[in-house]
Amino acid sequence: MATPPEPYAARLDIDYPEQLDRRTTLLRLIWAIPILIILGLLTATGNQTVATDTGEQVVGTGGGISGGLWLATVLMIVFRVRYPRWWFDFARELTRFGARVGAYFVLLTDRYPSTVDEQSVHLEIEYPDVERDLNRWLPLVKWLLALPHYIVLVVLWLAALVAVVIAWFVILVTGRYPRALFAFVVGVGRWSLRVDAYAFLLVTDRYPPFSLN
């Protein structure tokens, strides 16, 4: 018998809703604004205006929490061969929160995103044993090695956007999210999570599979 493949270090699953509320679906763009603002404050970059010697003003962009966390993790793995558990936990919980907000925004659930509870979005990321599982130099180039995935994901997310628009109309009529469209949108999110875990969260050296499953 063939040995089943080992589960990837980052996994996502979302419970399929049997019935969705038509009213909240209709106004989802409005209902989602407060939680999107909160997520944006946690992850968005910041701008800083700097005046040069000639008096010219230059606007520089900071990396935000996510960018700073990625860079700090790269430096820790490269120079100390360590991945502090406390900031892994922070990165994982921030990723989980972002997934709940994303699931709500693309109509996969009616439950307003919690900042604490798992709700219907089940996201797992395994904490790595850095000395055993990670190459200390690979974080320097992972973002580049993942380039083929970025290209594919651009196409997939455009298709997912179309799927969400179609699902929006169907939900308004039937109150149900078509299962095929639901599975596709969740699959694109799952693919994105694996790439994020490889290239930016840096929890695994295993190259992400090109798969929605």
N, C-alpha and C. Protein backbone atom coordinates (compact mmCIF):
# COMPACT_ATOMS: atom_id res chain seq x y z
N MET A 1 0.84 -1.20 0.00
CA MET A 1 0.00 0.00 0.00
C MET A 1 0.87 1.25 0.00
N ALA A 2 0.45 2.26 -0.75
CA ALA A 2 1.20 3.50 -0.81
C ALA A 2 1.05 4.26 0.50
N THR A 3 2.14 4.84 0.95
CA THR A 3 2.12 5.62 2.17
C THR A 3 1.51 6.99 1.90
N PRO A 4 0.49 7.39 2.67
CA PRO A 4 -0.12 8.70 2.43
C PRO A 4 0.89 9.81 2.67
N PRO A 5 0.80 10.91 1.93
CA PRO A 5 1.76 12.00 2.10
C PRO A 5 1.64 12.62 3.48
N GLU A 6 2.77 13.06 4.00
CA GLU A 6 2.78 13.70 5.31
C GLU A 6 2.05 15.04 5.23
N PRO A 7 1.20 15.34 6.19
CA PRO A 7 0.48 16.62 6.16
C PRO A 7 1.45 17.80 6.12
N TYR A 8 1.06 18.84 5.40
CA TYR A 8 1.92 20.02 5.31
C TYR A 8 1.90 20.76 6.65
N ALA A 9 2.92 21.56 6.88
CA ALA A 9 3.07 22.24 8.18
C ALA A 9 2.02 23.31 8.42
N ALA A 10 1.31 23.73 7.38
CA ALA A 10 0.24 24.72 7.52
C ALA A 10 -1.01 24.17 6.86
N ARG A 11 -2.11 24.16 7.59
CA ARG A 11 -3.34 23.54 7.10
C ARG A 11 -4.54 24.45 7.37
N LEU A 12 -5.48 24.46 6.44
CA LEU A 12 -6.68 25.29 6.57
C LEU A 12 -7.90 24.49 6.18
N ASP A 13 -8.93 24.60 6.98
CA ASP A 13 -10.22 24.01 6.64
C ASP A 13 -11.31 24.93 7.20
N ILE A 14 -12.41 25.04 6.48
CA ILE A 14 -13.51 25.90 6.89
C ILE A 14 -14.80 25.09 6.80
N ASP A 15 -15.58 25.12 7.86
CA ASP A 15 -16.83 24.37 7.89
C ASP A 15 -17.80 24.94 6.85
N TYR A 16 -18.41 24.03 6.11
CA TYR A 16 -19.38 24.46 5.11
C TYR A 16 -20.69 24.86 5.79
N PRO A 17 -21.20 26.07 5.52
CA PRO A 17 -22.46 26.51 6.14
C PRO A 17 -23.65 26.00 5.33
N GLU A 18 -24.58 25.34 6.00
CA GLU A 18 -25.75 24.82 5.30
C GLU A 18 -26.69 25.94 4.88
N GLN A 19 -26.72 27.03 5.66
CA GLN A 19 -27.60 28.14 5.35
C GLN A 19 -26.90 29.45 5.69
N LEU A 20 -27.03 30.46 4.83
CA LEU A 20 -26.41 31.76 5.05
C LEU A 20 -27.47 32.84 5.07
N ASP A 21 -27.24 33.87 5.83
CA ASP A 21 -28.19 34.96 5.98
C ASP A 21 -28.13 35.89 4.77
N ARG A 22 -29.25 36.09 4.10
CA ARG A 22 -29.28 36.92 2.89
C ARG A 22 -29.00 38.39 3.21
N ARG A 23 -29.50 38.88 4.33
CA ARG A 23 -29.35 40.30 4.65
C ARG A 23 -27.88 40.66 4.92
N THR A 24 -27.22 39.86 5.75
CA THR A 24 -25.81 40.17 6.04
C THR A 24 -24.93 39.94 4.81
N THR A 25 -25.35 39.01 3.95
CA THR A 25 -24.62 38.79 2.70
C THR A 25 -24.75 40.00 1.79
N LEU A 26 -25.95 40.54 1.69
CA LEU A 26 -26.19 41.71 0.85
C LEU A 26 -25.33 42.90 1.28
N LEU A 27 -25.18 43.06 2.60
CA LEU A 27 -24.48 44.23 3.14
C LEU A 27 -23.08 43.88 3.66
N ARG A 28 -22.53 42.79 3.17
CA ARG A 28 -21.25 42.31 3.72
C ARG A 28 -20.14 43.35 3.64
N LEU A 29 -20.06 44.11 2.55
CA LEU A 29 -19.01 45.11 2.40
C LEU A 29 -19.10 46.17 3.50
N ILE A 30 -20.31 46.46 3.95
CA ILE A 30 -20.49 47.45 5.01
C ILE A 30 -20.20 46.83 6.38
N TRP A 31 -20.75 45.63 6.63
CA TRP A 31 -20.55 44.98 7.93
C TRP A 31 -19.07 44.70 8.19
N ALA A 32 -18.30 44.46 7.13
CA ALA A 32 -16.91 44.05 7.32
C ALA A 32 -15.97 45.22 7.58
N ILE A 33 -16.44 46.45 7.38
CA ILE A 33 -15.53 47.61 7.50
C ILE A 33 -14.83 47.69 8.86
N PRO A 34 -15.54 47.59 10.00
CA PRO A 34 -14.84 47.73 11.28
C PRO A 34 -13.72 46.70 11.49
N ILE A 35 -14.00 45.44 11.17
CA ILE A 35 -12.99 44.41 11.41
C ILE A 35 -11.85 44.51 10.40
N LEU A 36 -12.15 44.99 9.20
CA LEU A 36 -11.09 45.22 8.22
C LEU A 36 -10.16 46.35 8.67
N ILE A 37 -10.72 47.36 9.31
CA ILE A 37 -9.90 48.45 9.84
C ILE A 37 -8.96 47.93 10.92
N ILE A 38 -9.49 47.09 11.80
CA ILE A 38 -8.66 46.51 12.87
C ILE A 38 -7.53 45.68 12.28
N LEU A 39 -7.86 44.82 11.32
CA LEU A 39 -6.83 44.00 10.68
C LEU A 39 -5.81 44.88 9.97
N GLY A 40 -6.28 45.95 9.32
CA GLY A 40 -5.38 46.85 8.63
C GLY A 40 -4.42 47.54 9.57
N LEU A 41 -4.90 47.93 10.76
CA LEU A 41 -4.03 48.57 11.74
C LEU A 41 -2.94 47.62 12.23
N LEU A 42 -3.27 46.32 12.25
CA LEU A 42 -2.28 45.33 12.70
C LEU A 42 -1.24 45.00 11.64
N THR A 43 -1.62 45.10 10.38
CA THR A 43 -0.75 44.58 9.33
C THR A 43 -0.26 45.61 8.33
N ALA A 44 -0.92 46.76 8.25
CA ALA A 44 -0.58 47.72 7.19
C ALA A 44 0.77 48.37 7.44
N THR A 45 1.39 48.80 6.34
CA THR A 45 2.65 49.52 6.44
C THR A 45 2.38 50.95 6.87
N GLY A 46 3.41 51.61 7.32
CA GLY A 46 3.30 53.00 7.72
C GLY A 46 4.19 53.88 6.87
N ASN A 47 3.84 55.13 6.75
CA ASN A 47 4.61 56.08 5.96
C ASN A 47 5.30 57.09 6.86
N GLN A 48 6.52 57.44 6.49
CA GLN A 48 7.28 58.43 7.23
C GLN A 48 7.86 59.43 6.25
N THR A 49 7.63 60.73 6.52
CA THR A 49 8.14 61.77 5.65
C THR A 49 9.48 62.28 6.17
N VAL A 50 10.49 62.26 5.30
CA VAL A 50 11.83 62.66 5.67
C VAL A 50 12.27 63.79 4.76
N ALA A 51 12.85 64.85 5.34
CA ALA A 51 13.34 65.99 4.56
C ALA A 51 14.84 65.83 4.31
N THR A 52 15.26 65.95 3.06
CA THR A 52 16.66 65.84 2.71
C THR A 52 17.37 67.18 2.91
N ASP A 53 18.68 67.19 2.70
CA ASP A 53 19.45 68.43 2.86
C ASP A 53 19.01 69.52 1.90
N THR A 54 18.47 69.13 0.76
CA THR A 54 18.04 70.12 -0.24
C THR A 54 16.62 70.61 0.02
N GLY A 55 16.02 70.12 1.07
CA GLY A 55 14.65 70.52 1.37
C GLY A 55 13.60 69.66 0.73
N GLU A 56 14.00 68.69 -0.07
CA GLU A 56 13.04 67.80 -0.73
C GLU A 56 12.48 66.81 0.28
N GLN A 57 11.18 66.59 0.20
CA GLN A 57 10.54 65.65 1.11
C GLN A 57 10.40 64.30 0.44
N VAL A 58 10.83 63.27 1.17
CA VAL A 58 10.76 61.91 0.66
C VAL A 58 9.89 61.10 1.60
N VAL A 59 8.95 60.37 1.03
CA VAL A 59 8.07 59.52 1.83
C VAL A 59 8.59 58.11 1.80
N GLY A 60 8.92 57.59 2.96
CA GLY A 60 9.40 56.21 3.06
C GLY A 60 8.32 55.33 3.65
N THR A 61 8.30 54.11 3.25
CA THR A 61 7.29 53.17 3.72
C THR A 61 7.90 52.15 4.65
N GLY A 62 7.31 52.01 5.83
CA GLY A 62 7.78 51.02 6.78
C GLY A 62 7.17 49.66 6.48
N GLY A 63 7.68 48.65 7.11
CA GLY A 63 7.24 47.30 6.80
C GLY A 63 6.03 46.82 7.56
N GLY A 64 5.59 47.59 8.60
CA GLY A 64 4.47 47.13 9.39
C GLY A 64 4.87 45.95 10.26
N ILE A 65 3.90 45.47 11.07
CA ILE A 65 4.19 44.38 11.99
C ILE A 65 4.57 43.11 11.24
N SER A 66 3.82 42.78 10.19
CA SER A 66 4.09 41.53 9.47
C SER A 66 5.47 41.54 8.84
N GLY A 67 5.84 42.66 8.19
CA GLY A 67 7.15 42.74 7.57
C GLY A 67 8.27 42.70 8.58
N GLY A 68 8.08 43.41 9.70
CA GLY A 68 9.10 43.39 10.75
C GLY A 68 9.25 42.02 11.37
N LEU A 69 8.15 41.33 11.56
CA LEU A 69 8.19 39.99 12.14
C LEU A 69 8.91 39.01 11.21
N TRP A 70 8.64 39.14 9.90
CA TRP A 70 9.33 38.27 8.92
C TRP A 70 10.83 38.51 8.95
N LEU A 71 11.24 39.78 8.92
CA LEU A 71 12.66 40.09 8.90
C LEU A 71 13.35 39.64 10.18
N ALA A 72 12.69 39.85 11.32
CA ALA A 72 13.26 39.41 12.59
C ALA A 72 13.44 37.90 12.62
N THR A 73 12.45 37.17 12.07
CA THR A 73 12.54 35.72 12.04
C THR A 73 13.67 35.25 11.13
N VAL A 74 13.82 35.89 9.98
CA VAL A 74 14.94 35.57 9.09
C VAL A 74 16.26 35.73 9.83
N LEU A 75 16.45 36.84 10.50
CA LEU A 75 17.72 37.11 11.18
C LEU A 75 17.96 36.12 12.32
N MET A 76 16.90 35.79 13.05
CA MET A 76 17.07 34.84 14.15
C MET A 76 17.45 33.46 13.65
N ILE A 77 16.81 33.01 12.57
CA ILE A 77 17.14 31.67 12.03
C ILE A 77 18.55 31.66 11.45
N VAL A 78 18.92 32.70 10.73
CA VAL A 78 20.23 32.74 10.08
C VAL A 78 21.36 32.85 11.10
N PHE A 79 21.23 33.74 12.06
CA PHE A 79 22.35 34.03 12.96
C PHE A 79 22.31 33.27 14.27
N ARG A 80 21.10 32.90 14.74
CA ARG A 80 21.00 32.22 16.03
C ARG A 80 20.44 30.82 15.93
N VAL A 81 19.95 30.42 14.76
CA VAL A 81 19.30 29.12 14.56
C VAL A 81 18.21 28.92 15.61
N ARG A 82 17.39 29.94 15.76
CA ARG A 82 16.29 29.89 16.73
C ARG A 82 15.04 30.53 16.13
N TYR A 83 13.90 30.05 16.60
CA TYR A 83 12.61 30.65 16.24
C TYR A 83 11.85 30.80 17.56
N PRO A 84 11.96 31.97 18.20
CA PRO A 84 11.33 32.14 19.52
C PRO A 84 9.85 31.76 19.50
N ARG A 85 9.46 30.96 20.46
CA ARG A 85 8.09 30.44 20.48
C ARG A 85 7.06 31.56 20.62
N TRP A 86 7.39 32.58 21.40
CA TRP A 86 6.39 33.62 21.66
C TRP A 86 6.04 34.39 20.40
N TRP A 87 7.03 34.63 19.51
CA TRP A 87 6.62 35.39 18.33
C TRP A 87 6.11 34.47 17.22
N PHE A 88 6.42 33.16 17.30
CA PHE A 88 5.72 32.20 16.44
C PHE A 88 4.23 32.19 16.81
N ASP A 89 3.95 32.15 18.11
CA ASP A 89 2.56 32.14 18.55
C ASP A 89 1.83 33.39 18.09
N PHE A 90 2.50 34.54 18.17
CA PHE A 90 1.88 35.78 17.72
C PHE A 90 1.60 35.73 16.22
N ALA A 91 2.58 35.28 15.43
CA ALA A 91 2.41 35.19 13.98
C ALA A 91 1.28 34.23 13.62
N ARG A 92 1.19 33.11 14.33
CA ARG A 92 0.13 32.13 14.06
C ARG A 92 -1.24 32.71 14.38
N GLU A 93 -1.37 33.38 15.54
CA GLU A 93 -2.67 33.93 15.91
C GLU A 93 -3.07 35.08 14.99
N LEU A 94 -2.10 35.88 14.55
CA LEU A 94 -2.40 36.94 13.60
C LEU A 94 -2.86 36.35 12.27
N THR A 95 -2.23 35.25 11.85
CA THR A 95 -2.63 34.57 10.62
C THR A 95 -4.03 33.99 10.76
N ARG A 96 -4.32 33.42 11.91
CA ARG A 96 -5.66 32.88 12.15
C ARG A 96 -6.72 33.98 12.11
N PHE A 97 -6.42 35.10 12.74
CA PHE A 97 -7.36 36.22 12.73
C PHE A 97 -7.60 36.71 11.31
N GLY A 98 -6.52 36.85 10.54
CA GLY A 98 -6.65 37.27 9.15
C GLY A 98 -7.47 36.30 8.34
N ALA A 99 -7.33 35.00 8.61
CA ALA A 99 -8.11 33.99 7.89
C ALA A 99 -9.59 34.10 8.23
N ARG A 100 -9.91 34.38 9.50
CA ARG A 100 -11.33 34.54 9.87
C ARG A 100 -11.94 35.77 9.21
N VAL A 101 -11.17 36.86 9.17
CA VAL A 101 -11.66 38.07 8.51
C VAL A 101 -11.85 37.80 7.01
N GLY A 102 -10.87 37.12 6.39
CA GLY A 102 -10.97 36.81 4.97
C GLY A 102 -12.15 35.92 4.66
N ALA A 103 -12.38 34.90 5.51
CA ALA A 103 -13.51 34.00 5.30
C ALA A 103 -14.83 34.73 5.39
N TYR A 104 -14.94 35.65 6.33
CA TYR A 104 -16.16 36.44 6.47
C TYR A 104 -16.36 37.35 5.26
N PHE A 105 -15.29 37.97 4.81
CA PHE A 105 -15.37 38.93 3.71
C PHE A 105 -15.78 38.25 2.40
N VAL A 106 -15.30 37.01 2.17
CA VAL A 106 -15.65 36.32 0.92
C VAL A 106 -16.84 35.39 1.10
N LEU A 107 -17.63 35.64 2.16
CA LEU A 107 -18.96 35.03 2.34
C LEU A 107 -18.92 33.57 2.75
N LEU A 108 -17.77 33.05 3.18
CA LEU A 108 -17.67 31.65 3.55
C LEU A 108 -18.33 31.36 4.90
N THR A 109 -18.62 32.40 5.66
CA THR A 109 -19.28 32.24 6.96
C THR A 109 -20.07 33.50 7.27
N ASP A 110 -21.12 33.34 8.07
CA ASP A 110 -21.90 34.48 8.54
C ASP A 110 -21.43 34.98 9.90
N ARG A 111 -20.57 34.23 10.56
CA ARG A 111 -20.15 34.58 11.91
C ARG A 111 -19.14 35.71 11.86
N TYR A 112 -19.42 36.79 12.58
CA TYR A 112 -18.52 37.94 12.57
C TYR A 112 -17.18 37.52 13.17
N PRO A 113 -16.07 37.89 12.53
CA PRO A 113 -14.75 37.38 12.95
C PRO A 113 -14.42 37.71 14.41
N SER A 114 -14.04 36.69 15.13
CA SER A 114 -13.59 36.87 16.51
C SER A 114 -12.08 37.13 16.53
N THR A 115 -11.64 37.91 17.50
CA THR A 115 -10.19 38.10 17.66
C THR A 115 -9.57 36.99 18.49
N VAL A 116 -10.41 36.09 19.02
CA VAL A 116 -9.91 35.04 19.91
C VAL A 116 -10.36 33.65 19.47
N ASP A 117 -11.68 33.48 19.29
CA ASP A 117 -12.23 32.14 19.06
C ASP A 117 -11.97 31.64 17.65
N GLU A 118 -11.84 30.31 17.52
CA GLU A 118 -11.57 29.68 16.23
C GLU A 118 -12.74 29.79 15.28
N GLN A 119 -13.96 29.70 15.82
CA GLN A 119 -15.19 29.73 15.03
C GLN A 119 -15.17 28.60 13.99
N SER A 120 -15.56 28.87 12.75
CA SER A 120 -15.64 27.81 11.74
C SER A 120 -14.39 27.71 10.89
N VAL A 121 -13.38 28.54 11.18
CA VAL A 121 -12.15 28.57 10.39
C VAL A 121 -11.05 27.86 11.18
N HIS A 122 -10.63 26.70 10.68
CA HIS A 122 -9.67 25.87 11.40
C HIS A 122 -8.31 25.97 10.70
N LEU A 123 -7.39 26.67 11.32
CA LEU A 123 -6.08 26.91 10.72
C LEU A 123 -5.01 26.43 11.69
N GLU A 124 -4.16 25.55 11.21
CA GLU A 124 -3.09 24.99 12.04
C GLU A 124 -1.74 25.24 11.39
N ILE A 125 -0.78 25.68 12.19
CA ILE A 125 0.60 25.86 11.74
C ILE A 125 1.51 25.19 12.76
N GLU A 126 2.36 24.32 12.31
CA GLU A 126 3.23 23.57 13.22
C GLU A 126 4.47 24.38 13.58
N TYR A 127 4.79 24.36 14.87
CA TYR A 127 6.00 25.03 15.34
C TYR A 127 7.22 24.21 14.93
N PRO A 128 8.20 24.84 14.26
CA PRO A 128 9.34 24.06 13.74
C PRO A 128 10.44 23.82 14.77
N ASP A 129 11.11 22.70 14.64
CA ASP A 129 12.36 22.45 15.34
C ASP A 129 13.46 23.00 14.42
N VAL A 130 13.95 24.19 14.72
CA VAL A 130 14.81 24.91 13.78
C VAL A 130 16.08 24.12 13.47
N GLU A 131 16.74 23.58 14.48
CA GLU A 131 18.00 22.88 14.26
C GLU A 131 17.81 21.61 13.44
N ARG A 132 16.69 20.95 13.60
CA ARG A 132 16.46 19.68 12.91
C ARG A 132 15.76 19.86 11.57
N ASP A 133 14.80 20.80 11.49
CA ASP A 133 13.90 20.86 10.33
C ASP A 133 14.21 21.99 9.34
N LEU A 134 14.97 23.00 9.76
CA LEU A 134 15.15 24.17 8.90
C LEU A 134 16.62 24.37 8.54
N ASN A 135 16.84 24.72 7.28
CA ASN A 135 18.17 25.15 6.82
C ASN A 135 18.34 26.62 7.18
N ARG A 136 19.39 26.96 7.91
CA ARG A 136 19.53 28.32 8.42
C ARG A 136 19.69 29.37 7.33
N TRP A 137 20.15 28.96 6.13
CA TRP A 137 20.38 29.93 5.05
C TRP A 137 19.21 30.05 4.08
N LEU A 138 18.31 29.10 4.09
CA LEU A 138 17.21 29.09 3.13
C LEU A 138 16.25 30.27 3.29
N PRO A 139 16.01 30.79 4.50
CA PRO A 139 15.10 31.94 4.61
C PRO A 139 15.53 33.15 3.79
N LEU A 140 16.79 33.24 3.43
CA LEU A 140 17.26 34.38 2.63
C LEU A 140 16.71 34.35 1.21
N VAL A 141 16.34 33.16 0.73
CA VAL A 141 15.92 33.05 -0.67
C VAL A 141 14.53 32.44 -0.85
N LYS A 142 13.87 32.08 0.24
CA LYS A 142 12.56 31.44 0.10
C LYS A 142 11.56 32.31 -0.64
N TRP A 143 11.58 33.61 -0.35
CA TRP A 143 10.64 34.53 -1.01
C TRP A 143 10.84 34.52 -2.52
N LEU A 144 12.08 34.25 -2.97
CA LEU A 144 12.37 34.20 -4.40
C LEU A 144 11.98 32.84 -4.98
N LEU A 145 12.25 31.78 -4.22
CA LEU A 145 11.92 30.43 -4.69
C LEU A 145 10.42 30.24 -4.86
N ALA A 146 9.64 31.02 -4.11
CA ALA A 146 8.18 30.89 -4.19
C ALA A 146 7.57 31.67 -5.35
N LEU A 147 8.41 32.28 -6.20
CA LEU A 147 7.91 33.09 -7.31
C LEU A 147 6.90 32.36 -8.20
N PRO A 148 7.11 31.09 -8.59
CA PRO A 148 6.10 30.41 -9.41
C PRO A 148 4.72 30.37 -8.74
N HIS A 149 4.72 30.23 -7.42
CA HIS A 149 3.44 30.22 -6.70
C HIS A 149 2.75 31.58 -6.78
N TYR A 150 3.52 32.66 -6.67
CA TYR A 150 2.90 33.99 -6.75
C TYR A 150 2.16 34.15 -8.08
N ILE A 151 2.79 33.70 -9.16
CA ILE A 151 2.19 33.85 -10.49
C ILE A 151 0.88 33.06 -10.57
N VAL A 152 0.92 31.82 -10.09
CA VAL A 152 -0.29 30.99 -10.13
C VAL A 152 -1.37 31.58 -9.23
N LEU A 153 -0.97 32.08 -8.06
CA LEU A 153 -1.96 32.59 -7.11
C LEU A 153 -2.65 33.85 -7.62
N VAL A 154 -1.96 34.66 -8.39
CA VAL A 154 -2.61 35.83 -8.98
C VAL A 154 -3.79 35.39 -9.84
N VAL A 155 -3.57 34.37 -10.66
CA VAL A 155 -4.64 33.84 -11.52
C VAL A 155 -5.74 33.21 -10.68
N LEU A 156 -5.35 32.45 -9.67
CA LEU A 156 -6.34 31.77 -8.84
C LEU A 156 -7.20 32.75 -8.06
N TRP A 157 -6.59 33.81 -7.53
CA TRP A 157 -7.38 34.78 -6.77
C TRP A 157 -8.31 35.59 -7.66
N LEU A 158 -7.92 35.83 -8.89
CA LEU A 158 -8.83 36.47 -9.83
C LEU A 158 -10.04 35.57 -10.10
N ALA A 159 -9.77 34.27 -10.27
CA ALA A 159 -10.85 33.32 -10.46
C ALA A 159 -11.71 33.22 -9.20
N ALA A 160 -11.06 33.26 -8.03
CA ALA A 160 -11.81 33.19 -6.77
C ALA A 160 -12.70 34.41 -6.60
N LEU A 161 -12.22 35.57 -7.04
CA LEU A 161 -13.04 36.79 -6.97
C LEU A 161 -14.32 36.63 -7.80
N VAL A 162 -14.17 36.06 -8.99
CA VAL A 162 -15.34 35.80 -9.83
C VAL A 162 -16.27 34.81 -9.13
N ALA A 163 -15.69 33.79 -8.51
CA ALA A 163 -16.50 32.79 -7.81
C ALA A 163 -17.27 33.41 -6.65
N VAL A 164 -16.65 34.34 -5.93
CA VAL A 164 -17.31 35.00 -4.81
C VAL A 164 -18.47 35.86 -5.30
N VAL A 165 -18.28 36.57 -6.40
CA VAL A 165 -19.36 37.40 -6.95
C VAL A 165 -20.54 36.52 -7.36
N ILE A 166 -20.25 35.40 -8.02
CA ILE A 166 -21.32 34.48 -8.41
C ILE A 166 -22.02 33.94 -7.16
N ALA A 167 -21.22 33.55 -6.16
CA ALA A 167 -21.79 33.01 -4.93
C ALA A 167 -22.67 34.05 -4.23
N TRP A 168 -22.28 35.31 -4.28
CA TRP A 168 -23.06 36.38 -3.66
C TRP A 168 -24.47 36.42 -4.24
N PHE A 169 -24.58 36.35 -5.55
CA PHE A 169 -25.90 36.36 -6.18
C PHE A 169 -26.69 35.10 -5.82
N VAL A 170 -26.02 33.95 -5.82
CA VAL A 170 -26.71 32.70 -5.49
C VAL A 170 -27.22 32.72 -4.06
N ILE A 171 -26.40 33.23 -3.13
CA ILE A 171 -26.81 33.28 -1.72
C ILE A 171 -28.03 34.19 -1.55
N LEU A 172 -28.05 35.30 -2.26
CA LEU A 172 -29.19 36.21 -2.15
C LEU A 172 -30.49 35.55 -2.59
N VAL A 173 -30.38 34.59 -3.52
CA VAL A 173 -31.57 33.92 -4.03
C VAL A 173 -31.91 32.68 -3.21
N THR A 174 -30.91 31.87 -2.90
CA THR A 174 -31.15 30.56 -2.28
C THR A 174 -30.74 30.47 -0.81
N GLY A 175 -29.87 31.39 -0.36
CA GLY A 175 -29.37 31.31 1.01
C GLY A 175 -28.29 30.27 1.19
N ARG A 176 -27.75 29.75 0.09
CA ARG A 176 -26.71 28.70 0.17
C ARG A 176 -25.52 29.07 -0.71
N TYR A 177 -24.35 28.69 -0.25
CA TYR A 177 -23.11 28.89 -1.01
C TYR A 177 -22.89 27.63 -1.85
N PRO A 178 -22.85 27.73 -3.18
CA PRO A 178 -22.63 26.52 -3.99
C PRO A 178 -21.38 25.77 -3.53
N ARG A 179 -21.51 24.48 -3.30
CA ARG A 179 -20.41 23.71 -2.70
C ARG A 179 -19.15 23.74 -3.55
N ALA A 180 -19.30 23.67 -4.85
CA ALA A 180 -18.13 23.66 -5.72
C ALA A 180 -17.36 24.98 -5.62
N LEU A 181 -18.10 26.08 -5.60
CA LEU A 181 -17.46 27.39 -5.46
C LEU A 181 -16.84 27.55 -4.07
N PHE A 182 -17.54 27.05 -3.05
CA PHE A 182 -17.03 27.10 -1.68
C PHE A 182 -15.70 26.35 -1.58
N ALA A 183 -15.66 25.13 -2.13
CA ALA A 183 -14.44 24.33 -2.07
C ALA A 183 -13.30 25.00 -2.83
N PHE A 184 -13.63 25.64 -3.94
CA PHE A 184 -12.58 26.30 -4.72
C PHE A 184 -12.00 27.49 -3.96
N VAL A 185 -12.85 28.34 -3.39
CA VAL A 185 -12.35 29.52 -2.67
C VAL A 185 -11.54 29.10 -1.44
N VAL A 186 -12.02 28.10 -0.72
CA VAL A 186 -11.25 27.59 0.43
C VAL A 186 -9.91 27.02 -0.04
N GLY A 187 -9.92 26.31 -1.17
CA GLY A 187 -8.69 25.75 -1.70
C GLY A 187 -7.65 26.81 -2.05
N VAL A 188 -8.12 27.92 -2.62
CA VAL A 188 -7.19 29.01 -2.94
C VAL A 188 -6.61 29.59 -1.66
N GLY A 189 -7.44 29.74 -0.64
CA GLY A 189 -6.94 30.21 0.65
C GLY A 189 -5.94 29.25 1.26
N ARG A 190 -6.20 27.96 1.11
CA ARG A 190 -5.30 26.92 1.63
C ARG A 190 -3.95 26.98 0.92
N TRP A 191 -3.98 27.14 -0.40
CA TRP A 191 -2.75 27.26 -1.19
C TRP A 191 -1.95 28.48 -0.75
N SER A 192 -2.63 29.60 -0.57
CA SER A 192 -1.98 30.84 -0.14
C SER A 192 -1.33 30.67 1.23
N LEU A 193 -2.03 29.99 2.13
CA LEU A 193 -1.48 29.77 3.47
C LEU A 193 -0.19 28.97 3.42
N ARG A 194 -0.16 27.93 2.59
CA ARG A 194 1.06 27.11 2.51
C ARG A 194 2.24 27.93 1.98
N VAL A 195 1.99 28.77 0.99
CA VAL A 195 3.06 29.63 0.47
C VAL A 195 3.51 30.61 1.54
N ASP A 196 2.56 31.17 2.28
CA ASP A 196 2.90 32.10 3.36
C ASP A 196 3.72 31.40 4.43
N ALA A 197 3.34 30.18 4.77
CA ALA A 197 4.07 29.42 5.79
C ALA A 197 5.51 29.12 5.35
N TYR A 198 5.68 28.88 4.07
CA TYR A 198 7.02 28.56 3.53
C TYR A 198 7.88 29.81 3.38
N ALA A 199 7.35 30.85 2.75
CA ALA A 199 8.18 31.98 2.35
C ALA A 199 8.25 33.09 3.38
N PHE A 200 7.22 33.24 4.23
CA PHE A 200 7.18 34.40 5.12
C PHE A 200 7.08 34.03 6.59
N LEU A 201 6.27 33.05 6.94
CA LEU A 201 6.27 32.58 8.32
C LEU A 201 7.49 31.71 8.62
N LEU A 202 8.04 31.09 7.57
CA LEU A 202 9.31 30.36 7.66
C LEU A 202 9.26 29.17 8.61
N VAL A 203 8.13 28.47 8.64
CA VAL A 203 8.00 27.35 9.57
C VAL A 203 8.39 26.02 8.95
N THR A 204 8.64 26.00 7.65
CA THR A 204 8.99 24.74 7.00
C THR A 204 9.88 25.01 5.79
N ASP A 205 10.73 24.02 5.49
CA ASP A 205 11.55 24.08 4.27
C ASP A 205 10.94 23.24 3.16
N ARG A 206 9.85 22.56 3.43
CA ARG A 206 9.19 21.74 2.43
C ARG A 206 8.47 22.63 1.42
N TYR A 207 8.82 22.51 0.16
CA TYR A 207 8.26 23.39 -0.88
C TYR A 207 6.75 23.16 -0.98
N PRO A 208 5.96 24.22 -1.04
CA PRO A 208 4.50 24.05 -1.08
C PRO A 208 4.05 23.31 -2.32
N PRO A 209 3.11 22.41 -2.17
CA PRO A 209 2.57 21.70 -3.35
C PRO A 209 1.67 22.62 -4.16
N PHE A 210 1.62 22.39 -5.47
CA PHE A 210 0.72 23.12 -6.34
C PHE A 210 -0.64 22.41 -6.31
N SER A 211 -1.40 22.69 -5.27
CA SER A 211 -2.64 21.95 -5.08
C SER A 211 -3.62 22.77 -4.25
N LEU A 212 -4.91 22.61 -4.55
CA LEU A 212 -5.96 23.24 -3.77
C LEU A 212 -6.38 22.36 -2.59
N ASN A 213 -5.94 21.11 -2.58
CA ASN A 213 -6.39 20.15 -1.57
C ASN A 213 -5.60 20.32 -0.28
